[in-house]
Protein backbone atom coordinates (compact mmCIF):
# COMPACT_ATOMS: atom_id res chain seq x y z
CA MET A 1 -227.10 -126.52 -84.74
CA LYS A 2 -228.05 -127.86 -81.23
CA LYS A 3 -225.62 -130.71 -81.54
CA ASN A 4 -222.84 -128.38 -82.61
CA PHE A 5 -223.52 -125.97 -79.66
CA ALA A 6 -223.57 -128.77 -77.19
CA ALA A 7 -220.28 -130.05 -78.51
CA LYS A 8 -218.85 -126.55 -78.06
CA LYS A 9 -219.98 -126.45 -74.51
CA ILE A 10 -218.22 -129.62 -73.80
CA LEU A 11 -215.04 -128.38 -75.39
CA LEU A 12 -215.04 -125.27 -73.25
CA LYS A 13 -215.95 -127.10 -70.04
CA CYS A 14 -213.16 -129.57 -70.74
CA ILE A 15 -210.75 -126.69 -71.34
CA LEU A 16 -211.72 -125.18 -67.99
CA SER A 17 -211.32 -128.41 -66.14
CA PHE A 18 -207.81 -128.98 -67.95
CA THR A 19 -206.66 -125.27 -67.29
CA ILE A 20 -208.34 -124.46 -64.00
CA LEU A 21 -205.34 -125.73 -61.97
CA VAL A 22 -202.95 -123.70 -64.02
CA ILE A 23 -204.92 -120.49 -64.65
CA PHE A 24 -206.94 -119.95 -61.56
CA SER A 25 -205.27 -121.74 -58.78
CA GLY A 26 -201.71 -120.35 -58.42
CA PHE A 27 -200.39 -121.92 -61.55
CA GLN A 28 -200.11 -125.41 -60.23
CA GLN A 29 -198.41 -127.87 -62.50
CA LEU A 30 -199.95 -130.46 -64.85
CA HIS A 31 -198.00 -133.67 -65.38
CA ALA A 32 -198.16 -135.24 -68.78
CA GLN A 33 -196.34 -138.35 -68.11
CA VAL A 34 -197.97 -141.14 -70.24
CA ASN A 35 -198.12 -144.87 -70.03
CA ASP A 36 -196.72 -146.22 -73.25
CA THR A 37 -199.25 -149.03 -73.35
CA THR A 38 -202.23 -146.67 -73.86
CA PHE A 39 -201.45 -146.03 -77.47
CA HIS A 40 -199.09 -147.57 -79.96
CA ASN A 41 -197.60 -144.64 -81.96
CA PRO A 42 -196.79 -145.62 -85.42
CA TYR A 43 -194.22 -142.87 -85.64
CA ASP A 44 -192.38 -143.96 -82.39
CA THR A 45 -188.74 -144.62 -83.23
CA THR A 46 -187.36 -144.03 -79.76
CA ASN A 47 -187.30 -147.55 -78.57
CA HIS A 48 -183.63 -147.29 -78.29
CA LEU A 49 -184.28 -145.30 -74.96
CA ARG A 50 -184.50 -147.41 -71.91
CA LYS A 51 -187.92 -147.68 -70.32
CA ASP A 52 -186.35 -147.39 -66.82
CA THR A 53 -184.36 -144.33 -67.64
CA VAL A 54 -183.85 -142.28 -64.45
CA VAL A 55 -185.66 -138.99 -64.77
CA GLN A 56 -182.95 -136.29 -64.43
CA LYS A 57 -184.96 -133.26 -65.58
CA THR A 58 -188.55 -132.04 -65.70
CA TYR A 59 -189.31 -130.45 -69.07
CA ARG A 60 -191.55 -127.34 -68.62
CA VAL A 61 -193.67 -126.21 -71.50
CA ALA A 62 -196.22 -123.38 -71.74
CA ILE A 63 -199.08 -123.59 -74.21
CA VAL A 64 -200.59 -120.13 -74.70
CA ALA A 65 -203.88 -119.38 -76.61
CA PRO A 66 -206.81 -116.97 -76.51
CA LEU A 67 -209.56 -118.84 -74.43
CA TYR A 68 -211.32 -115.82 -73.03
CA LEU A 69 -212.44 -117.97 -70.17
CA ASP A 70 -213.36 -114.90 -67.98
CA SER A 71 -215.78 -113.79 -70.65
CA VAL A 72 -217.33 -117.22 -71.01
CA PHE A 73 -217.41 -118.50 -67.50
CA ALA A 74 -218.55 -117.03 -64.03
CA GLY A 75 -216.48 -119.16 -61.77
CA ASN A 76 -217.15 -122.70 -63.12
CA VAL A 77 -220.45 -121.93 -64.59
CA LEU A 78 -221.22 -120.87 -68.21
CA ARG A 79 -222.42 -117.34 -68.48
CA SER A 80 -224.81 -118.40 -71.15
CA GLU A 81 -226.52 -121.73 -71.81
CA THR A 82 -227.73 -120.64 -75.25
CA SER A 83 -224.69 -119.10 -77.04
CA ILE A 84 -220.92 -119.29 -76.91
CA PRO A 85 -218.89 -116.43 -78.45
CA ALA A 86 -217.40 -117.46 -81.84
CA PHE A 87 -214.10 -115.66 -80.97
CA THR A 88 -213.44 -118.37 -78.19
CA ILE A 89 -213.51 -121.33 -80.64
CA ALA A 90 -210.26 -121.06 -82.37
CA GLY A 91 -208.18 -120.98 -79.13
CA THR A 92 -210.29 -123.60 -77.52
CA ASP A 93 -209.79 -126.01 -80.41
CA PHE A 94 -206.00 -125.30 -80.45
CA VAL A 95 -205.68 -126.23 -76.74
CA GLN A 96 -207.90 -129.30 -77.05
CA GLY A 97 -205.64 -130.52 -79.72
CA ALA A 98 -202.61 -129.83 -77.63
CA GLU A 99 -204.28 -131.61 -74.75
CA LEU A 100 -204.72 -134.73 -76.83
CA ALA A 101 -201.06 -134.49 -77.88
CA LEU A 102 -200.09 -134.48 -74.16
CA ASP A 103 -202.29 -137.54 -73.65
CA THR A 104 -200.47 -139.25 -76.57
CA LEU A 105 -196.90 -138.32 -76.05
CA ILE A 106 -194.43 -141.28 -75.74
CA THR A 107 -192.21 -139.84 -73.03
CA ASN A 108 -190.01 -143.02 -72.24
CA GLY A 109 -189.89 -142.23 -68.55
CA LYS A 110 -189.12 -138.63 -69.03
CA HIS A 111 -191.22 -135.93 -67.15
CA VAL A 112 -193.13 -133.20 -68.70
CA GLU A 113 -195.06 -130.46 -66.96
CA ALA A 114 -197.49 -128.57 -69.25
CA PHE A 115 -198.91 -125.26 -68.35
CA ILE A 116 -201.96 -123.88 -70.20
CA TYR A 117 -202.31 -120.07 -70.11
CA ASP A 118 -205.25 -118.03 -71.36
CA SER A 119 -203.63 -115.11 -73.26
CA LYS A 120 -206.91 -113.20 -72.97
CA SER A 121 -207.57 -113.52 -69.23
CA ALA A 122 -209.11 -110.38 -67.74
CA ARG A 123 -207.71 -111.08 -64.28
CA LYS A 124 -204.25 -112.30 -65.11
CA PRO A 125 -203.28 -111.20 -68.58
CA LEU A 126 -200.10 -112.22 -70.32
CA LEU A 127 -198.26 -109.02 -69.29
CA TRP A 128 -199.11 -109.80 -65.64
CA LEU A 129 -197.70 -113.39 -66.06
CA LEU A 130 -194.52 -112.02 -67.46
CA LYS A 131 -194.07 -109.37 -64.83
CA ASN A 132 -194.62 -111.85 -62.01
CA GLY A 133 -192.27 -114.52 -63.26
CA LYS A 134 -194.96 -117.09 -64.12
CA LEU A 135 -193.35 -117.93 -67.33
CA ASP A 136 -189.68 -118.06 -66.03
CA ASN A 137 -187.70 -121.33 -66.17
CA LEU A 138 -189.60 -122.71 -69.14
CA ASP A 139 -187.97 -124.90 -71.65
CA LEU A 140 -190.44 -124.28 -74.53
CA ILE A 141 -193.30 -121.86 -75.40
CA ILE A 142 -195.97 -122.92 -77.93
CA GLY A 143 -198.31 -120.08 -78.82
CA SER A 144 -201.37 -119.66 -80.87
CA VAL A 145 -201.48 -115.86 -80.39
CA LYS A 146 -201.69 -112.62 -82.36
CA GLU A 147 -200.76 -109.15 -81.33
CA PRO A 148 -200.02 -107.87 -78.75
CA GLU A 149 -199.33 -111.18 -77.13
CA TYR A 150 -197.18 -112.33 -79.97
CA SER A 151 -194.68 -109.44 -79.55
CA LEU A 152 -194.69 -109.85 -75.71
CA LEU A 153 -193.77 -113.56 -76.04
CA SER A 154 -191.22 -112.88 -78.70
CA GLN A 155 -189.40 -110.37 -76.57
CA PHE A 156 -189.63 -112.53 -73.56
CA ALA A 157 -188.23 -115.51 -75.40
CA ALA A 158 -185.26 -113.46 -76.69
CA GLN A 159 -184.52 -112.12 -73.12
CA ARG A 160 -184.76 -115.46 -71.51
CA SER A 161 -183.27 -117.60 -74.48
CA ILE A 162 -186.45 -119.86 -74.46
CA PRO A 163 -187.63 -121.22 -77.74
CA PHE A 164 -190.95 -119.85 -78.81
CA VAL A 165 -192.95 -121.58 -81.47
CA SER A 166 -195.52 -119.33 -83.09
CA ALA A 167 -197.90 -122.03 -84.33
CA THR A 168 -200.61 -120.09 -86.14
CA TYR A 169 -199.80 -116.41 -86.59
CA PRO A 170 -198.55 -115.89 -90.33
CA ASN A 171 -196.64 -112.74 -89.58
CA ASP A 172 -193.23 -111.80 -88.25
CA GLY A 173 -194.67 -108.83 -86.26
CA GLY A 174 -191.54 -106.81 -87.03
CA VAL A 175 -189.32 -108.98 -84.92
CA ARG A 176 -185.66 -108.75 -85.54
CA GLN A 177 -182.51 -110.61 -84.32
CA ASN A 178 -184.44 -113.17 -82.36
CA PRO A 179 -183.03 -116.59 -82.97
CA PHE A 180 -185.54 -118.11 -80.46
CA LEU A 181 -188.51 -117.32 -82.49
CA TYR A 182 -189.81 -120.08 -84.71
CA ILE A 183 -192.69 -119.05 -87.06
CA ALA A 184 -194.54 -122.35 -88.13
CA ASN A 185 -197.35 -120.73 -90.06
CA SER A 186 -195.36 -119.14 -92.92
CA THR A 187 -195.64 -115.49 -93.72
CA LEU A 188 -197.21 -114.20 -96.88
CA LYS A 189 -193.79 -113.55 -98.40
CA ALA A 190 -192.77 -117.22 -97.76
CA HIS A 191 -195.91 -118.23 -99.67
CA CYS A 192 -194.84 -116.04 -102.61
CA GLU A 193 -191.44 -117.61 -102.57
CA SER A 194 -193.06 -121.03 -102.65
CA ILE A 195 -195.29 -120.17 -105.66
CA PHE A 196 -192.22 -118.68 -107.44
CA SER A 197 -190.27 -121.90 -106.78
CA TYR A 198 -193.17 -123.93 -108.22
CA LEU A 199 -193.49 -121.75 -111.29
CA LEU A 200 -189.68 -121.78 -111.89
CA GLN A 201 -189.58 -125.56 -111.71
CA LYS A 202 -192.89 -126.46 -113.59
CA HIS A 203 -194.03 -123.48 -115.71
CA GLY A 204 -190.96 -121.42 -116.55
CA ALA A 205 -191.78 -121.39 -120.22
CA ASP A 206 -195.34 -120.44 -119.94
CA ASN A 207 -196.91 -116.99 -120.11
CA ILE A 208 -197.06 -115.84 -116.48
CA TYR A 209 -199.31 -113.05 -115.33
CA LEU A 210 -199.67 -111.53 -111.85
CA VAL A 211 -203.15 -110.10 -111.55
CA LYS A 212 -203.77 -107.61 -108.76
CA LYS A 213 -206.35 -105.26 -107.47
CA LYS A 214 -205.91 -101.55 -108.17
CA ASN A 215 -203.64 -100.00 -105.40
CA ASP A 216 -202.98 -103.34 -103.87
CA ASN A 217 -199.27 -103.72 -104.34
CA ARG A 218 -198.02 -105.88 -101.44
CA ILE A 219 -197.85 -109.30 -103.23
CA ASP A 220 -196.69 -107.61 -106.46
CA ASN A 221 -193.63 -106.17 -104.49
CA TYR A 222 -192.89 -109.52 -102.89
CA PHE A 223 -192.62 -111.25 -106.34
CA ARG A 224 -190.61 -108.44 -107.77
CA GLU A 225 -188.22 -108.67 -104.90
CA ILE A 226 -187.98 -112.51 -105.25
CA ASN A 227 -187.69 -112.37 -109.06
CA PHE A 228 -184.80 -109.90 -108.98
CA LYS A 229 -183.08 -111.22 -105.91
CA ASP A 230 -179.72 -111.75 -107.72
CA GLY A 231 -179.90 -108.55 -109.78
CA HIS A 232 -181.47 -110.32 -112.87
CA GLN A 233 -184.92 -111.47 -113.83
CA LEU A 234 -185.42 -115.18 -113.37
CA LEU A 235 -189.02 -115.39 -114.67
CA LYS A 236 -190.96 -113.21 -117.12
CA ILE A 237 -193.89 -112.10 -115.17
CA LYS A 238 -196.25 -109.51 -116.56
CA THR A 239 -198.38 -107.55 -114.04
CA ILE A 240 -202.01 -106.77 -114.83
CA MET A 241 -203.87 -104.29 -112.57
CA LEU A 242 -207.63 -104.42 -112.56
CA ASP A 243 -210.44 -102.79 -110.64
CA SER A 244 -213.37 -104.82 -109.26
CA SER A 245 -214.86 -105.28 -112.73
CA ILE A 246 -213.23 -108.39 -114.05
CA SER A 247 -214.83 -110.15 -117.09
CA PRO A 248 -213.72 -113.18 -119.18
CA ASP A 249 -213.60 -111.10 -122.29
CA GLY A 250 -211.70 -108.28 -120.66
CA LEU A 251 -209.14 -110.78 -119.30
CA ARG A 252 -208.92 -112.54 -122.64
CA TYR A 253 -207.67 -109.30 -124.42
CA LEU A 254 -204.91 -108.78 -121.71
CA VAL A 255 -203.21 -112.19 -122.06
CA ASP A 256 -201.25 -113.96 -124.80
CA THR A 257 -202.85 -117.27 -125.57
CA THR A 258 -200.33 -118.50 -127.86
CA LYS A 259 -198.79 -120.37 -125.01
CA PRO A 260 -200.09 -122.07 -121.76
CA ILE A 261 -201.08 -119.26 -119.33
CA VAL A 262 -200.36 -119.07 -115.64
CA ILE A 263 -202.29 -116.44 -113.60
CA ILE A 264 -201.14 -115.47 -110.10
CA GLY A 265 -204.20 -114.27 -108.15
CA ALA A 266 -202.26 -111.60 -106.21
CA SER A 267 -205.08 -110.68 -103.74
CA LEU A 268 -206.27 -111.59 -100.37
CA ASN A 269 -209.64 -110.00 -101.07
CA LYS A 270 -212.47 -112.54 -101.37
CA THR A 271 -214.71 -110.72 -103.82
CA PHE A 272 -211.75 -109.88 -106.22
CA SER A 273 -210.30 -113.37 -106.07
CA GLN A 274 -213.60 -115.10 -106.88
CA LYS A 275 -214.33 -112.71 -109.70
CA LEU A 276 -210.78 -113.45 -111.12
CA ALA A 277 -211.64 -117.21 -110.92
CA ASP A 278 -214.93 -116.54 -112.68
CA ALA A 279 -213.09 -114.74 -115.43
CA CYS A 280 -210.51 -117.57 -115.82
CA PHE A 281 -213.00 -120.48 -115.86
CA PRO A 282 -214.38 -119.92 -119.42
CA LEU A 283 -210.97 -118.88 -120.74
CA GLN A 284 -209.31 -122.12 -119.65
CA LYS A 285 -211.83 -124.13 -121.67
CA ARG A 286 -210.15 -122.69 -124.84
CA LYS A 287 -206.51 -122.47 -123.76
CA PRO A 288 -204.43 -124.32 -121.03
CA LEU A 289 -204.61 -122.06 -118.07
CA ILE A 290 -203.51 -122.39 -114.41
CA LEU A 291 -204.70 -120.12 -111.65
CA ILE A 292 -202.86 -120.06 -108.31
CA GLY A 293 -203.93 -117.92 -105.52
CA MET A 294 -202.99 -116.84 -102.01
CA PRO A 295 -203.15 -118.97 -98.69
CA ASN A 296 -206.41 -117.59 -97.57
CA TRP A 297 -208.23 -118.79 -100.71
CA ASP A 298 -208.80 -122.06 -98.92
CA GLY A 299 -211.43 -120.35 -96.83
CA PHE A 300 -213.38 -118.91 -99.83
CA ASN A 301 -216.63 -120.97 -99.84
CA GLY A 302 -217.40 -120.16 -103.50
CA PHE A 303 -214.45 -122.16 -104.68
CA TYR A 304 -215.91 -125.32 -103.23
CA GLN A 305 -219.21 -125.31 -105.07
CA LYS A 306 -219.04 -128.47 -107.26
CA ASP A 307 -220.94 -126.81 -110.29
CA ALA A 308 -219.11 -123.46 -110.20
CA TYR A 309 -215.77 -124.49 -111.56
CA THR A 310 -216.20 -128.11 -113.03
CA ASP A 311 -212.93 -129.81 -113.65
CA PHE A 312 -210.99 -126.49 -113.12
CA PRO A 313 -208.55 -126.76 -110.27
CA ILE A 314 -208.02 -123.58 -108.14
CA ARG A 315 -204.67 -123.64 -106.49
CA TYR A 316 -203.45 -122.19 -103.29
CA THR A 317 -200.48 -122.60 -100.82
CA THR A 318 -200.45 -123.87 -97.26
CA PRO A 319 -197.94 -124.94 -94.62
CA HIS A 320 -200.45 -127.32 -93.09
CA TYR A 321 -201.16 -130.56 -94.83
CA GLU A 322 -202.45 -133.78 -93.19
CA VAL A 323 -202.31 -137.12 -95.03
CA LYS A 324 -205.80 -138.49 -94.27
CA GLY A 325 -205.91 -142.17 -93.28
CA ASN A 326 -202.52 -142.75 -91.73
CA ALA A 327 -202.51 -144.47 -88.31
CA LEU A 328 -201.96 -141.37 -86.16
CA SER A 329 -204.41 -139.27 -88.22
CA ARG A 330 -207.16 -141.92 -87.59
CA TYR A 331 -206.25 -142.05 -83.90
CA ILE A 332 -206.70 -138.35 -83.35
CA SER A 333 -209.93 -138.26 -85.22
CA ASP A 334 -211.36 -141.18 -83.29
CA LYS A 335 -210.14 -139.88 -79.90
CA TYR A 336 -211.45 -136.41 -80.59
CA PHE A 337 -214.83 -137.63 -81.68
CA GLN A 338 -215.13 -139.94 -78.68
CA LYS A 339 -214.42 -137.11 -76.34
CA TYR A 340 -216.29 -134.12 -78.00
CA ARG A 341 -218.67 -135.81 -80.53
CA ILE A 342 -217.21 -133.68 -83.38
CA SER A 343 -214.44 -133.99 -85.76
CA PRO A 344 -211.17 -132.17 -85.00
CA SER A 345 -210.96 -128.74 -86.65
CA ASP A 346 -207.97 -127.38 -88.50
CA MET A 347 -207.05 -125.55 -85.35
CA ALA A 348 -207.31 -128.62 -83.22
CA GLU A 349 -204.97 -130.39 -85.64
CA LYS A 350 -202.54 -127.63 -85.44
CA GLY A 351 -202.59 -127.65 -81.69
CA PHE A 352 -201.87 -131.45 -81.61
CA GLU A 353 -199.20 -131.08 -84.25
CA ALA A 354 -197.27 -128.37 -82.43
CA ALA A 355 -197.47 -129.93 -79.10
CA TYR A 356 -196.64 -133.53 -80.18
CA ASP A 357 -193.86 -132.67 -82.50
CA PHE A 358 -191.99 -129.96 -80.59
CA ILE A 359 -192.30 -131.47 -77.09
CA SER A 360 -191.14 -134.83 -78.54
CA ILE A 361 -188.04 -133.09 -80.02
CA LEU A 362 -187.45 -131.34 -76.74
CA ILE A 363 -187.48 -134.39 -74.55
CA ASN A 364 -185.24 -136.31 -77.03
CA HIS A 365 -182.85 -133.65 -77.79
CA PRO A 366 -182.83 -131.48 -74.68
CA ASN A 367 -179.15 -130.31 -75.11
CA ASP A 368 -179.49 -129.23 -78.71
CA PHE A 369 -183.26 -128.74 -79.27
CA LEU A 370 -182.97 -125.84 -81.66
CA GLN A 371 -180.64 -127.91 -83.93
CA HIS A 372 -183.35 -130.53 -84.28
CA MET A 373 -186.32 -128.43 -85.03
CA ASN A 374 -186.54 -129.91 -88.64
CA ASP A 375 -186.33 -133.50 -87.29
CA THR A 376 -188.81 -135.48 -89.10
CA THR A 377 -188.99 -138.41 -86.59
CA PHE A 378 -191.91 -137.10 -84.68
CA ALA A 379 -193.76 -135.01 -87.20
CA PRO A 380 -197.49 -136.32 -87.00
CA PHE A 381 -198.77 -134.87 -90.34
CA HIS A 382 -195.95 -133.26 -92.37
CA ASP A 383 -192.23 -132.15 -92.03
CA PHE A 384 -191.17 -128.59 -91.15
CA ASN A 385 -188.43 -126.69 -92.79
CA PHE A 386 -187.34 -123.89 -90.49
CA GLN A 387 -184.78 -121.69 -92.08
CA PRO A 388 -183.13 -118.54 -90.75
CA VAL A 389 -184.37 -115.23 -92.12
CA PHE A 390 -182.14 -112.19 -92.34
CA HIS A 391 -183.64 -108.84 -93.28
CA ASP A 392 -180.30 -107.16 -92.78
CA LYS A 393 -177.86 -109.04 -95.17
CA ALA A 394 -174.90 -107.92 -93.05
CA SER A 395 -176.29 -109.35 -89.83
CA THR A 396 -174.93 -112.50 -88.45
CA VAL A 397 -177.95 -113.07 -86.14
CA PRO A 398 -181.20 -114.40 -87.66
CA ASP A 399 -184.17 -112.23 -87.13
CA TYR A 400 -186.21 -115.54 -86.67
CA TYR A 401 -186.61 -118.88 -88.18
CA GLU A 402 -189.52 -119.54 -90.46
CA ASN A 403 -191.09 -122.73 -91.84
CA LYS A 404 -190.39 -122.88 -95.56
CA HIS A 405 -192.05 -126.05 -96.23
CA LEU A 406 -195.31 -125.24 -98.14
CA PHE A 407 -197.63 -127.25 -100.24
CA ILE A 408 -199.46 -126.50 -103.52
CA MET A 409 -203.10 -127.52 -103.10
CA GLN A 410 -205.91 -127.84 -105.60
CA ILE A 411 -209.58 -127.20 -104.92
CA LEU A 412 -211.09 -129.52 -107.67
CA ASN A 413 -214.81 -130.20 -107.90
CA GLY A 414 -215.38 -129.33 -104.32
CA GLN A 415 -212.45 -131.48 -103.01
CA VAL A 416 -209.01 -130.61 -101.94
CA VAL A 417 -205.99 -132.57 -103.14
CA ARG A 418 -202.34 -131.96 -102.98
CA GLU A 419 -200.35 -131.20 -106.19
CA TRP A 420 -196.96 -130.27 -105.03
């Protein structure tokens, strides 16, 4: 516990030292021009660019995250030496990952200015930054923000024609007709689309059931919309509505066991989801049964207990998948541990990924950046598949672009493995 707290103090102090020039001193610029000899990037395919290229443009990138520095620091001093608020950690990790990406970027003589902004600054909040022109003249905004900052940045991006990559917020926030918004952390509907595609390709002949909690219709409605998209039913999916009392015997009488069974756990509720898994576990010992849940199931600790669901994989979807052991993954883990004495968190990896991938695309394709958002050349962990989303079928302007590249993962005997 003491070691972890000490590491978090280091993280926050490094964040402060990295952002102090930007946030508290008139938004001075940080230069992220990197010496190529410091790290050999195994994904570097830009050797065709001359090392002596004349810098004709400075690329200006804003990284926005909730750091709450005013709440944690009094000047440059921690307000408390015994505790750090848990709500600061996600934003801190994201920015630390982005900072590591800035240190790693292979710029080939091109010049990047990175600006770190605390979206929860008490003295200079995001609305103040926008009104005072502090985010004007940017080439790219990368944000790990929720409401209301998400909507503020989306509106600003549309008004200024600046690409805004929403890296971690799995929601469109009701944004419409904004072709400059890119949602990297896919929405719940996109996850349902991915599950549907998986079932259509691999389990179309099985008995498919969608099990939902009473009065919780959101996910069920998504699947109905997807299934009847072209006016006819593509998959036969039977809906089962249950209250909080789920038992193996009760579930067994509700499903047809003459064919393999697929159960869609259509709930984000932790208690309901785990009770559903508990009911499926003894049933799958008798008949082939697949249980696939929602993206937040990866955070339910009960699924990782080795003795709870022996040899029974619990599936979920995710847009973020890191192939452990590749050269860049090892480099990130080693560098992060050397600096902070802890392994990088999921948020740190997302911060690195967003900054490394999209800034690399920007500096290599400055004139048609948006047309290269799905470029796989610089993706450190996995590819993105941004596709336009139209809520109004008659519209010719996308409401936004969303990452549709999702993975089916399995939690099996306490370990996570990719299935699809």
